[in-house]
């Protein structure tokens, strides 16, 4: 028995689908599958493996100690012992410091005098530049150049303010969940009239085409091609539907709109909103789809 197999057995015993566990922990489904399969090579490191296993145990309300004991452990770095320790003498030429300082004192004095002369010369040059009469070309005080500069700065400021003001709405639109607002679609009048006018000459329709064309009434219809997991909440936040769907199972859901929908396996589930097929690829991430029905 490995740590991954124990986690998988605990999850299956609790009746939670792996996609629902991924939604609860906010991690990709493939990382949970790798953890349950003991495939640690695709996970970042040992610390991440143990932290993810602890989070899974906390969500499933199981003891994490026996599972963590079977997971790989990170080795703690060992510091190399030094015999000298903190009492090791500082390497340097302490005995010659006073001699070298004494020998360099004349040079330091001459250097200080040179630096003083250079500083005084720089100050004199700065004062001359400050009090020197300005040139008569008037280019620095040209009011037209000042006006053009101010207009350019105002124009630049206006453009930047428009850019900054336009950014938050786009970010807000990207962060909001996709809302499905499809109008109520009535059955095709032309199809019904043609069937009523010539019932004898109507072509034979296969059962597969009938099953795909006829959709039961209801605001939301979910049809699973293989095993999947769904969760539907109404406008008040109450859970209308939350369970696993078997292969070829169809469920019709009605409730107060807007309804929030989460589908664990988007590639194995078909969705119809008021009789119209709804594409899950645009609202899916890591094979988990989230959207709202208005």
C-alpha atoms as a PDB file:
ATOM      1  CA  UNK A   1       0.000   0.000   0.000  1.00  0.00           C
ATOM      2  CA  UNK A   2       1.462   3.356  -1.089  1.00  0.00           C
ATOM      3  CA  UNK A   3       0.577   6.879  -0.059  1.00  0.00           C
ATOM      4  CA  UNK A   4      -1.125   7.605  -3.385  1.00  0.00           C
ATOM      5  CA  UNK A   5      -3.255   4.459  -3.246  1.00  0.00           C
ATOM      6  CA  UNK A   6      -4.310   5.302   0.329  1.00  0.00           C
ATOM      7  CA  UNK A   7      -5.375   8.790  -0.794  1.00  0.00           C
ATOM      8  CA  UNK A   8      -7.364   7.323  -3.705  1.00  0.00           C
ATOM      9  CA  UNK A   9      -9.076   4.789  -1.441  1.00  0.00           C
ATOM     10  CA  UNK A  10      -9.994   7.515   1.077  1.00  0.00           C
ATOM     11  CA  UNK A  11     -11.436   9.711  -1.700  1.00  0.00           C
ATOM     12  CA  UNK A  12     -13.493   6.883  -3.177  1.00  0.00           C
ATOM     13  CA  UNK A  13     -14.746   5.917   0.282  1.00  0.00           C
ATOM     14  CA  UNK A  14     -15.991   9.474   0.819  1.00  0.00           C
ATOM     15  CA  UNK A  15     -17.841   9.378  -2.550  1.00  0.00           C
ATOM     16  CA  UNK A  16     -16.109  12.498  -3.884  1.00  0.00           C
ATOM     17  CA  UNK A  17     -15.169  12.677  -7.554  1.00  0.00           C
ATOM     18  CA  UNK A  18     -11.586  13.665  -8.326  1.00  0.00           C
ATOM     19  CA  UNK A  19     -12.826  16.678 -10.311  1.00  0.00           C
ATOM     20  CA  UNK A  20     -14.843  17.903  -7.318  1.00  0.00           C
ATOM     21  CA  UNK A  21     -11.776  17.501  -5.096  1.00  0.00           C
ATOM     22  CA  UNK A  22      -9.724  19.498  -7.609  1.00  0.00           C
ATOM     23  CA  UNK A  23     -12.310  22.290  -7.535  1.00  0.00           C
ATOM     24  CA  UNK A  24     -12.305  22.323  -3.724  1.00  0.00           C
ATOM     25  CA  UNK A  25      -8.490  22.481  -3.519  1.00  0.00           C
ATOM     26  CA  UNK A  26      -8.131  24.786  -6.554  1.00  0.00           C
ATOM     27  CA  UNK A  27      -5.482  22.572  -8.188  1.00  0.00           C
ATOM     28  CA  UNK A  28      -5.447  20.924 -11.637  1.00  0.00           C
ATOM     29  CA  UNK A  29      -6.972  17.468 -11.937  1.00  0.00           C
ATOM     30  CA  UNK A  30      -3.801  16.016 -13.471  1.00  0.00           C
ATOM     31  CA  UNK A  31      -1.788  16.845 -10.331  1.00  0.00           C
ATOM     32  CA  UNK A  32      -4.246  14.933  -8.144  1.00  0.00           C
ATOM     33  CA  UNK A  33      -4.158  12.018 -10.582  1.00  0.00           C
ATOM     34  CA  UNK A  34      -0.331  12.026 -10.468  1.00  0.00           C
ATOM     35  CA  UNK A  35      -0.392  12.078  -6.650  1.00  0.00           C
ATOM     36  CA  UNK A  36      -2.801   9.135  -6.471  1.00  0.00           C
ATOM     37  CA  UNK A  37      -0.703   7.219  -9.032  1.00  0.00           C
ATOM     38  CA  UNK A  38       2.542   7.879  -7.049  1.00  0.00           C
ATOM     39  CA  UNK A  39       3.922   9.654 -10.125  1.00  0.00           C
ATOM     40  CA  UNK A  40       6.019  12.214  -8.279  1.00  0.00           C
ATOM     41  CA  UNK A  41       8.182  13.027 -11.311  1.00  0.00           C
ATOM     42  CA  UNK A  42       5.517  15.331 -12.803  1.00  0.00           C
ATOM     43  CA  UNK A  43       5.056  17.233  -9.520  1.00  0.00           C
ATOM     44  CA  UNK A  44       7.300  20.213  -8.652  1.00  0.00           C
ATOM     45  CA  UNK A  45       9.120  18.861  -5.584  1.00  0.00           C
ATOM     46  CA  UNK A  46       8.799  16.816  -2.404  1.00  0.00           C
ATOM     47  CA  UNK A  47       7.519  19.766  -0.371  1.00  0.00           C
ATOM     48  CA  UNK A  48       4.641  20.273  -2.845  1.00  0.00           C
ATOM     49  CA  UNK A  49       3.803  16.535  -2.769  1.00  0.00           C
ATOM     50  CA  UNK A  50       3.530  16.451   1.025  1.00  0.00           C
ATOM     51  CA  UNK A  51       1.611  19.751   1.193  1.00  0.00           C
ATOM     52  CA  UNK A  52      -0.900  18.571  -1.436  1.00  0.00           C
ATOM     53  CA  UNK A  53      -1.362  15.254   0.371  1.00  0.00           C
ATOM     54  CA  UNK A  54      -1.991  17.092   3.658  1.00  0.00           C
ATOM     55  CA  UNK A  55      -4.617  19.308   1.970  1.00  0.00           C
ATOM     56  CA  UNK A  56      -6.367  16.251   0.506  1.00  0.00           C
ATOM     57  CA  UNK A  57      -6.442  14.546   3.929  1.00  0.00           C
ATOM     58  CA  UNK A  58      -7.819  17.699   5.540  1.00  0.00           C
ATOM     59  CA  UNK A  59     -10.578  17.963   2.908  1.00  0.00           C
ATOM     60  CA  UNK A  60     -11.494  14.271   3.215  1.00  0.00           C
ATOM     61  CA  UNK A  61     -11.270  14.454   7.054  1.00  0.00           C
ATOM     62  CA  UNK A  62      -8.814  11.558   7.366  1.00  0.00           C
ATOM     63  CA  UNK A  63      -5.630  11.154   9.422  1.00  0.00           C
ATOM     64  CA  UNK A  64      -2.656  12.405   7.416  1.00  0.00           C
ATOM     65  CA  UNK A  65       0.110  10.841   9.562  1.00  0.00           C
ATOM     66  CA  UNK A  66       0.117   7.296   8.050  1.00  0.00           C
ATOM     67  CA  UNK A  67      -0.127   8.682   4.521  1.00  0.00           C
ATOM     68  CA  UNK A  68       2.681  11.223   4.999  1.00  0.00           C
ATOM     69  CA  UNK A  69       4.857   8.454   6.446  1.00  0.00           C
ATOM     70  CA  UNK A  70       4.701   6.646   3.072  1.00  0.00           C
ATOM     71  CA  UNK A  71       5.452   9.737   0.968  1.00  0.00           C
ATOM     72  CA  UNK A  72       9.033  10.755   0.059  1.00  0.00           C
ATOM     73  CA  UNK A  73      10.724  12.999   2.590  1.00  0.00           C
ATOM     74  CA  UNK A  74      12.977  15.950   1.867  1.00  0.00           C
ATOM     75  CA  UNK A  75      16.453  15.689   3.345  1.00  0.00           C
ATOM     76  CA  UNK A  76      17.435  18.476   5.744  1.00  0.00           C
ATOM     77  CA  UNK A  77      20.775  20.163   4.898  1.00  0.00           C
ATOM     78  CA  UNK A  78      23.587  19.366   7.343  1.00  0.00           C
ATOM     79  CA  UNK A  79      26.012  22.113   8.307  1.00  0.00           C
ATOM     80  CA  UNK A  80      29.678  21.146   8.233  1.00  0.00           C
ATOM     81  CA  UNK A  81      31.147  21.272  11.723  1.00  0.00           C
ATOM     82  CA  UNK A  82      34.172  23.538  12.055  1.00  0.00           C
ATOM     83  CA  UNK A  83      36.626  22.735  14.829  1.00  0.00           C
ATOM     84  CA  UNK A  84      37.529  26.375  15.291  1.00  0.00           C
ATOM     85  CA  UNK A  85      33.925  27.604  15.391  1.00  0.00           C
ATOM     86  CA  UNK A  86      33.298  31.139  16.561  1.00  0.00           C
ATOM     87  CA  UNK A  87      36.681  31.245  18.293  1.00  0.00           C
ATOM     88  CA  UNK A  88      38.583  31.083  14.984  1.00  0.00           C
ATOM     89  CA  UNK A  89      40.982  34.013  14.645  1.00  0.00           C
ATOM     90  CA  UNK A  90      40.317  36.591  11.950  1.00  0.00           C
ATOM     91  CA  UNK A  91      42.839  36.284   9.169  1.00  0.00           C
ATOM     92  CA  UNK A  92      44.557  39.539   8.363  1.00  0.00           C
ATOM     93  CA  UNK A  93      47.684  41.617   8.746  1.00  0.00           C
ATOM     94  CA  UNK A  94      46.851  43.092  12.086  1.00  0.00           C
ATOM     95  CA  UNK A  95      50.483  43.429  13.146  1.00  0.00           C
ATOM     96  CA  UNK A  96      51.406  45.598  10.200  1.00  0.00           C
ATOM     97  CA  UNK A  97      48.323  47.820  10.248  1.00  0.00           C
ATOM     98  CA  UNK A  98      49.831  50.515  12.439  1.00  0.00           C
ATOM     99  CA  UNK A  99      53.046  50.506  10.415  1.00  0.00           C
ATOM    100  CA  UNK A 100      51.245  50.756   7.102  1.00  0.00           C
ATOM    101  CA  UNK A 101      49.011  53.532   8.447  1.00  0.00           C
ATOM    102  CA  UNK A 102      52.031  55.415   9.697  1.00  0.00           C
ATOM    103  CA  UNK A 103      53.840  54.951   6.396  1.00  0.00           C
ATOM    104  CA  UNK A 104      50.808  56.113   4.416  1.00  0.00           C
ATOM    105  CA  UNK A 105      50.070  59.165   6.554  1.00  0.00           C
ATOM    106  CA  UNK A 106      52.105  61.633   4.418  1.00  0.00           C
ATOM    107  CA  UNK A 107      50.436  60.378   1.284  1.00  0.00           C
ATOM    108  CA  UNK A 108      47.011  60.703   2.911  1.00  0.00           C
ATOM    109  CA  UNK A 109      47.737  64.274   3.927  1.00  0.00           C
ATOM    110  CA  UNK A 110      48.801  65.232   0.408  1.00  0.00           C
ATOM    111  CA  UNK A 111      45.734  63.511  -1.032  1.00  0.00           C
ATOM    112  CA  UNK A 112      43.452  65.433   1.326  1.00  0.00           C
ATOM    113  CA  UNK A 113      44.981  68.718   0.232  1.00  0.00           C
ATOM    114  CA  UNK A 114      44.512  67.806  -3.438  1.00  0.00           C
ATOM    115  CA  UNK A 115      40.880  66.896  -2.849  1.00  0.00           C
ATOM    116  CA  UNK A 116      40.293  70.197  -1.055  1.00  0.00           C
ATOM    117  CA  UNK A 117      41.740  72.162  -3.965  1.00  0.00           C
ATOM    118  CA  UNK A 118      39.571  70.276  -6.462  1.00  0.00           C
ATOM    119  CA  UNK A 119      36.412  70.872  -4.394  1.00  0.00           C
ATOM    120  CA  UNK A 120      37.136  74.608  -4.130  1.00  0.00           C
ATOM    121  CA  UNK A 121      37.695  74.806  -7.897  1.00  0.00           C
ATOM    122  CA  UNK A 122      34.392  73.041  -8.570  1.00  0.00           C
ATOM    123  CA  UNK A 123      32.511  75.391  -6.246  1.00  0.00           C
ATOM    124  CA  UNK A 124      34.056  78.407  -7.970  1.00  0.00           C
ATOM    125  CA  UNK A 125      33.024  77.066 -11.371  1.00  0.00           C
ATOM    126  CA  UNK A 126      29.455  76.469 -10.158  1.00  0.00           C
ATOM    127  CA  UNK A 127      29.184  80.024  -8.816  1.00  0.00           C
ATOM    128  CA  UNK A 128      30.480  81.385 -12.129  1.00  0.00           C
ATOM    129  CA  UNK A 129      27.840  79.448 -14.047  1.00  0.00           C
ATOM    130  CA  UNK A 130      25.073  80.682 -11.729  1.00  0.00           C
ATOM    131  CA  UNK A 131      25.981  84.363 -11.928  1.00  0.00           C
ATOM    132  CA  UNK A 132      27.140  84.362 -15.560  1.00  0.00           C
ATOM    133  CA  UNK A 133      24.690  86.372 -17.733  1.00  0.00           C
ATOM    134  CA  UNK A 134      22.494  84.201 -19.875  1.00  0.00           C
ATOM    135  CA  UNK A 135      22.720  84.212 -23.646  1.00  0.00           C
ATOM    136  CA  UNK A 136      20.376  86.477 -25.597  1.00  0.00           C
ATOM    137  CA  UNK A 137      19.026  83.805 -27.914  1.00  0.00           C
ATOM    138  CA  UNK A 138      15.954  83.380 -25.648  1.00  0.00           C
ATOM    139  CA  UNK A 139      15.538  79.750 -26.548  1.00  0.00           C
ATOM    140  CA  UNK A 140      15.220  78.704 -22.893  1.00  0.00           C
ATOM    141  CA  UNK A 141      12.450  81.203 -22.169  1.00  0.00           C
ATOM    142  CA  UNK A 142      10.582  80.954 -25.475  1.00  0.00           C
ATOM    143  CA  UNK A 143       6.895  81.057 -24.545  1.00  0.00           C
ATOM    144  CA  UNK A 144       5.933  79.164 -27.715  1.00  0.00           C
ATOM    145  CA  UNK A 145       8.156  76.233 -26.797  1.00  0.00           C
ATOM    146  CA  UNK A 146       6.769  76.274 -23.282  1.00  0.00           C
ATOM    147  CA  UNK A 147       3.224  76.280 -24.628  1.00  0.00           C
ATOM    148  CA  UNK A 148       3.911  73.434 -27.017  1.00  0.00           C
ATOM    149  CA  UNK A 149       5.512  71.423 -24.212  1.00  0.00           C
ATOM    150  CA  UNK A 150       2.566  72.031 -21.904  1.00  0.00           C
ATOM    151  CA  UNK A 151       0.124  71.090 -24.648  1.00  0.00           C
ATOM    152  CA  UNK A 152       2.083  67.921 -25.359  1.00  0.00           C
ATOM    153  CA  UNK A 153       2.148  67.051 -21.686  1.00  0.00           C
ATOM    154  CA  UNK A 154      -1.590  67.684 -21.406  1.00  0.00           C
ATOM    155  CA  UNK A 155      -2.234  65.544 -24.482  1.00  0.00           C
ATOM    156  CA  UNK A 156      -0.005  62.804 -23.127  1.00  0.00           C
ATOM    157  CA  UNK A 157      -1.762  62.986 -19.782  1.00  0.00           C
ATOM    158  CA  UNK A 158      -5.158  62.744 -21.463  1.00  0.00           C
ATOM    159  CA  UNK A 159      -4.144  59.683 -23.425  1.00  0.00           C
ATOM    160  CA  UNK A 160      -2.697  57.977 -20.366  1.00  0.00           C
ATOM    161  CA  UNK A 161      -5.793  58.718 -18.311  1.00  0.00           C
ATOM    162  CA  UNK A 162      -8.003  57.238 -21.011  1.00  0.00           C
ATOM    163  CA  UNK A 163      -5.818  54.114 -21.150  1.00  0.00           C
ATOM    164  CA  UNK A 164      -5.868  53.674 -17.396  1.00  0.00           C
ATOM    165  CA  UNK A 165      -9.608  54.292 -17.223  1.00  0.00           C
ATOM    166  CA  UNK A 166     -10.310  51.766 -19.970  1.00  0.00           C
ATOM    167  CA  UNK A 167      -8.210  48.993 -18.450  1.00  0.00           C
ATOM    168  CA  UNK A 168     -10.342  48.087 -15.369  1.00  0.00           C
ATOM    169  CA  UNK A 169     -13.549  47.288 -17.327  1.00  0.00           C
ATOM    170  CA  UNK A 170     -11.681  44.839 -19.578  1.00  0.00           C
ATOM    171  CA  UNK A 171     -10.074  43.216 -16.562  1.00  0.00           C
ATOM    172  CA  UNK A 172     -13.452  43.031 -14.847  1.00  0.00           C
ATOM    173  CA  UNK A 173     -15.041  41.424 -17.906  1.00  0.00           C
ATOM    174  CA  UNK A 174     -12.252  38.835 -18.089  1.00  0.00           C
ATOM    175  CA  UNK A 175     -12.595  37.933 -14.415  1.00  0.00           C
ATOM    176  CA  UNK A 176     -16.390  37.572 -14.409  1.00  0.00           C
ATOM    177  CA  UNK A 177     -17.873  34.116 -15.141  1.00  0.00           C
ATOM    178  CA  UNK A 178     -19.452  33.513 -18.491  1.00  0.00           C
ATOM    179  CA  UNK A 179     -23.183  34.210 -18.429  1.00  0.00           C
ATOM    180  CA  UNK A 180     -25.484  32.369 -20.782  1.00  0.00           C
ATOM    181  CA  UNK A 181     -28.485  34.464 -21.786  1.00  0.00           C
ATOM    182  CA  UNK A 182     -30.138  32.535 -24.583  1.00  0.00           C
ATOM    183  CA  UNK A 183     -33.731  33.440 -25.480  1.00  0.00           C
ATOM    184  CA  UNK A 184     -36.437  30.818 -25.330  1.00  0.00           C
ATOM    185  CA  UNK A 185     -36.317  28.933 -28.631  1.00  0.00           C
ATOM    186  CA  UNK A 186     -39.578  27.507 -29.952  1.00  0.00           C
ATOM    187  CA  UNK A 187     -39.647  24.386 -32.172  1.00  0.00           C
ATOM    188  CA  UNK A 188     -39.084  25.018 -35.846  1.00  0.00           C
ATOM    189  CA  UNK A 189     -42.403  26.016 -37.459  1.00  0.00           C
ATOM    190  CA  UNK A 190     -41.240  25.023 -40.934  1.00  0.00           C
ATOM    191  CA  UNK A 191     -40.278  21.529 -39.776  1.00  0.00           C
ATOM    192  CA  UNK A 192     -43.623  20.975 -38.024  1.00  0.00           C
ATOM    193  CA  UNK A 193     -45.630  22.230 -40.992  1.00  0.00           C
ATOM    194  CA  UNK A 194     -43.710  20.047 -43.445  1.00  0.00           C
ATOM    195  CA  UNK A 195     -44.238  16.978 -41.271  1.00  0.00           C
ATOM    196  CA  UNK A 196     -47.968  17.713 -40.914  1.00  0.00           C
ATOM    197  CA  UNK A 197     -48.446  18.339 -44.651  1.00  0.00           C
ATOM    198  CA  UNK A 198     -46.863  15.100 -45.889  1.00  0.00           C
ATOM    199  CA  UNK A 199     -46.785  12.459 -43.160  1.00  0.00           C
ATOM    200  CA  UNK A 200     -46.741   9.581 -45.633  1.00  0.00           C
ATOM    201  CA  UNK A 201     -43.714  10.857 -47.562  1.00  0.00           C
ATOM    202  CA  UNK A 202     -41.650  11.813 -44.498  1.00  0.00           C
ATOM    203  CA  UNK A 203     -38.242  10.090 -44.444  1.00  0.00           C
ATOM    204  CA  UNK A 204     -37.424   7.582 -41.741  1.00  0.00           C
ATOM    205  CA  UNK A 205     -35.284   9.158 -38.975  1.00  0.00           C
ATOM    206  CA  UNK A 206     -32.862   7.008 -37.018  1.00  0.00           C
ATOM    207  CA  UNK A 207     -33.080   6.726 -33.237  1.00  0.00           C
ATOM    208  CA  UNK A 208     -29.702   8.434 -32.750  1.00  0.00           C
ATOM    209  CA  UNK A 209     -30.856  11.501 -34.726  1.00  0.00           C
ATOM    210  CA  UNK A 210     -34.091  11.637 -32.715  1.00  0.00           C
ATOM    211  CA  UNK A 211     -32.210  11.459 -29.408  1.00  0.00           C
ATOM    212  CA  UNK A 212     -29.888  14.283 -30.453  1.00  0.00           C
ATOM    213  CA  UNK A 213     -32.683  16.476 -31.860  1.00  0.00           C
ATOM    214  CA  UNK A 214     -35.341  16.008 -29.179  1.00  0.00           C
ATOM    215  CA  UNK A 215     -34.365  17.704 -25.918  1.00  0.00           C
ATOM    216  CA  UNK A 216     -36.620  17.465 -22.835  1.00  0.00           C
ATOM    217  CA  UNK A 217     -38.146  20.660 -21.584  1.00  0.00           C
ATOM    218  CA  UNK A 218     -36.299  22.568 -18.869  1.00  0.00           C
ATOM    219  CA  UNK A 219     -34.001  25.517 -18.374  1.00  0.00           C
ATOM    220  CA  UNK A 220     -30.865  23.326 -18.187  1.00  0.00           C
ATOM    221  CA  UNK A 221     -30.264  19.820 -19.559  1.00  0.00           C
ATOM    222  CA  UNK A 222     -27.115  17.813 -18.790  1.00  0.00           C
ATOM    223  CA  UNK A 223     -26.223  14.671 -20.735  1.00  0.00           C
ATOM    224  CA  UNK A 224     -23.125  12.594 -19.827  1.00  0.00           C
ATOM    225  CA  UNK A 225     -21.308  10.684 -22.567  1.00  0.00           C
ATOM    226  CA  UNK A 226     -19.226   8.992 -19.844  1.00  0.00           C
ATOM    227  CA  UNK A 227     -18.883   9.310 -16.071  1.00  0.00           C
ATOM    228  CA  UNK A 228     -18.936  12.976 -14.989  1.00  0.00           C
ATOM    229  CA  UNK A 229     -19.671  15.205 -11.991  1.00  0.00           C
ATOM    230  CA  UNK A 230     -21.993  18.243 -11.840  1.00  0.00           C
ATOM    231  CA  UNK A 231     -23.035  20.897  -9.327  1.00  0.00           C
ATOM    232  CA  UNK A 232     -25.905  23.377  -9.875  1.00  0.00           C
ATOM    233  CA  UNK A 233     -26.883  26.196  -7.497  1.00  0.00           C
ATOM    234  CA  UNK A 234     -29.850  28.559  -7.858  1.00  0.00           C
ATOM    235  CA  UNK A 235     -29.871  32.344  -7.406  1.00  0.00           C
ATOM    236  CA  UNK A 236     -30.042  32.048  -3.608  1.00  0.00           C
ATOM    237  CA  UNK A 237     -26.980  29.795  -3.458  1.00  0.00           C
ATOM    238  CA  UNK A 238     -28.972  26.655  -2.612  1.00  0.00           C
ATOM    239  CA  UNK A 239     -27.670  23.443  -4.175  1.00  0.00           C
ATOM    240  CA  UNK A 240     -30.196  22.182  -6.747  1.00  0.00           C
ATOM    241  CA  UNK A 241     -28.086  19.271  -8.017  1.00  0.00           C
ATOM    242  CA  UNK A 242     -24.733  17.843  -6.936  1.00  0.00           C
ATOM    243  CA  UNK A 243     -23.773  14.263  -7.814  1.00  0.00           C
ATOM    244  CA  UNK A 244     -21.959  12.002 -10.237  1.00  0.00           C
ATOM    245  CA  UNK A 245     -23.534  11.267 -13.626  1.00  0.00           C
ATOM    246  CA  UNK A 246     -23.236   7.809 -15.126  1.00  0.00           C
ATOM    247  CA  UNK A 247     -22.504   7.232 -18.791  1.00  0.00           C
ATOM    248  CA  UNK A 248     -25.485   8.030 -21.089  1.00  0.00           C
ATOM    249  CA  UNK A 249     -27.411   9.585 -18.164  1.00  0.00           C
ATOM    250  CA  UNK A 250     -29.531  12.699 -18.836  1.00  0.00           C
ATOM    251  CA  UNK A 251     -30.665  15.142 -16.138  1.00  0.00           C
ATOM    252  CA  UNK A 252     -33.038  18.105 -16.533  1.00  0.00           C
ATOM    253  CA  UNK A 253     -32.597  20.929 -14.008  1.00  0.00           C
ATOM    254  CA  UNK A 254     -34.917  23.848 -13.251  1.00  0.00           C
ATOM    255  CA  UNK A 255     -34.565  26.532 -10.613  1.00  0.00           C
ATOM    256  CA  UNK A 256     -34.444  30.232  -9.860  1.00  0.00           C
ATOM    257  CA  UNK A 257     -32.062  31.959 -12.239  1.00  0.00           C
ATOM    258  CA  UNK A 258     -29.280  32.888 -12.430  1.00  0.00           C
ATOM    259  CA  UNK A 259     -28.004  29.364 -11.777  1.00  0.00           C
ATOM    260  CA  UNK A 260     -24.286  28.667 -11.196  1.00  0.00           C
ATOM    261  CA  UNK A 261     -23.060  25.459 -12.866  1.00  0.00           C
ATOM    262  CA  UNK A 262     -19.794  23.529 -12.327  1.00  0.00           C
ATOM    263  CA  UNK A 263     -19.033  20.450 -14.479  1.00  0.00           C
ATOM    264  CA  UNK A 264     -16.161  18.193 -13.484  1.00  0.00           C
ATOM    265  CA  UNK A 265     -15.468  16.595 -16.888  1.00  0.00           C
ATOM    266  CA  UNK A 266     -16.318  19.038 -19.650  1.00  0.00           C
ATOM    267  CA  UNK A 267     -15.130  16.723 -22.427  1.00  0.00           C
ATOM    268  CA  UNK A 268     -17.589  14.004 -21.404  1.00  0.00           C
ATOM    269  CA  UNK A 269     -20.697  16.170 -20.836  1.00  0.00           C
ATOM    270  CA  UNK A 270     -23.213  17.817 -23.186  1.00  0.00           C
ATOM    271  CA  UNK A 271     -25.146  20.895 -22.030  1.00  0.00           C
ATOM    272  CA  UNK A 272     -28.405  22.279 -23.441  1.00  0.00           C
ATOM    273  CA  UNK A 273     -29.710  25.673 -22.284  1.00  0.00           C
ATOM    274  CA  UNK A 274     -33.404  26.124 -23.081  1.00  0.00           C
ATOM    275  CA  UNK A 275     -33.121  23.508 -25.813  1.00  0.00           C
ATOM    276  CA  UNK A 276     -29.999  24.913 -27.478  1.00  0.00           C
ATOM    277  CA  UNK A 277     -26.579  23.214 -27.280  1.00  0.00           C
ATOM    278  CA  UNK A 278     -24.067  25.155 -25.179  1.00  0.00           C
ATOM    279  CA  UNK A 279     -20.357  24.922 -26.017  1.00  0.00           C
ATOM    280  CA  UNK A 280     -18.241  24.157 -22.920  1.00  0.00           C
ATOM    281  CA  UNK A 281     -14.828  24.675 -24.524  1.00  0.00           C
ATOM    282  CA  UNK A 282     -14.996  28.461 -24.068  1.00  0.00           C
ATOM    283  CA  UNK A 283     -15.676  28.209 -20.314  1.00  0.00           C
ATOM    284  CA  UNK A 284     -13.454  25.209 -19.476  1.00  0.00           C
ATOM    285  CA  UNK A 285     -10.111  25.204 -17.713  1.00  0.00           C
ATOM    286  CA  UNK A 286      -8.247  22.029 -16.802  1.00  0.00           C
ATOM    287  CA  UNK A 287     -11.334  20.106 -18.094  1.00  0.00           C
ATOM    288  CA  UNK A 288     -13.551  21.815 -15.451  1.00  0.00           C
ATOM    289  CA  UNK A 289     -16.313  24.125 -16.783  1.00  0.00           C
ATOM    290  CA  UNK A 290     -17.897  26.970 -14.792  1.00  0.00           C
ATOM    291  CA  UNK A 291     -20.715  29.196 -16.114  1.00  0.00           C
ATOM    292  CA  UNK A 292     -24.055  30.796 -15.227  1.00  0.00           C
ATOM    293  CA  UNK A 293     -27.504  30.363 -16.757  1.00  0.00           C
ATOM    294  CA  UNK A 294     -29.773  33.419 -16.765  1.00  0.00           C
END
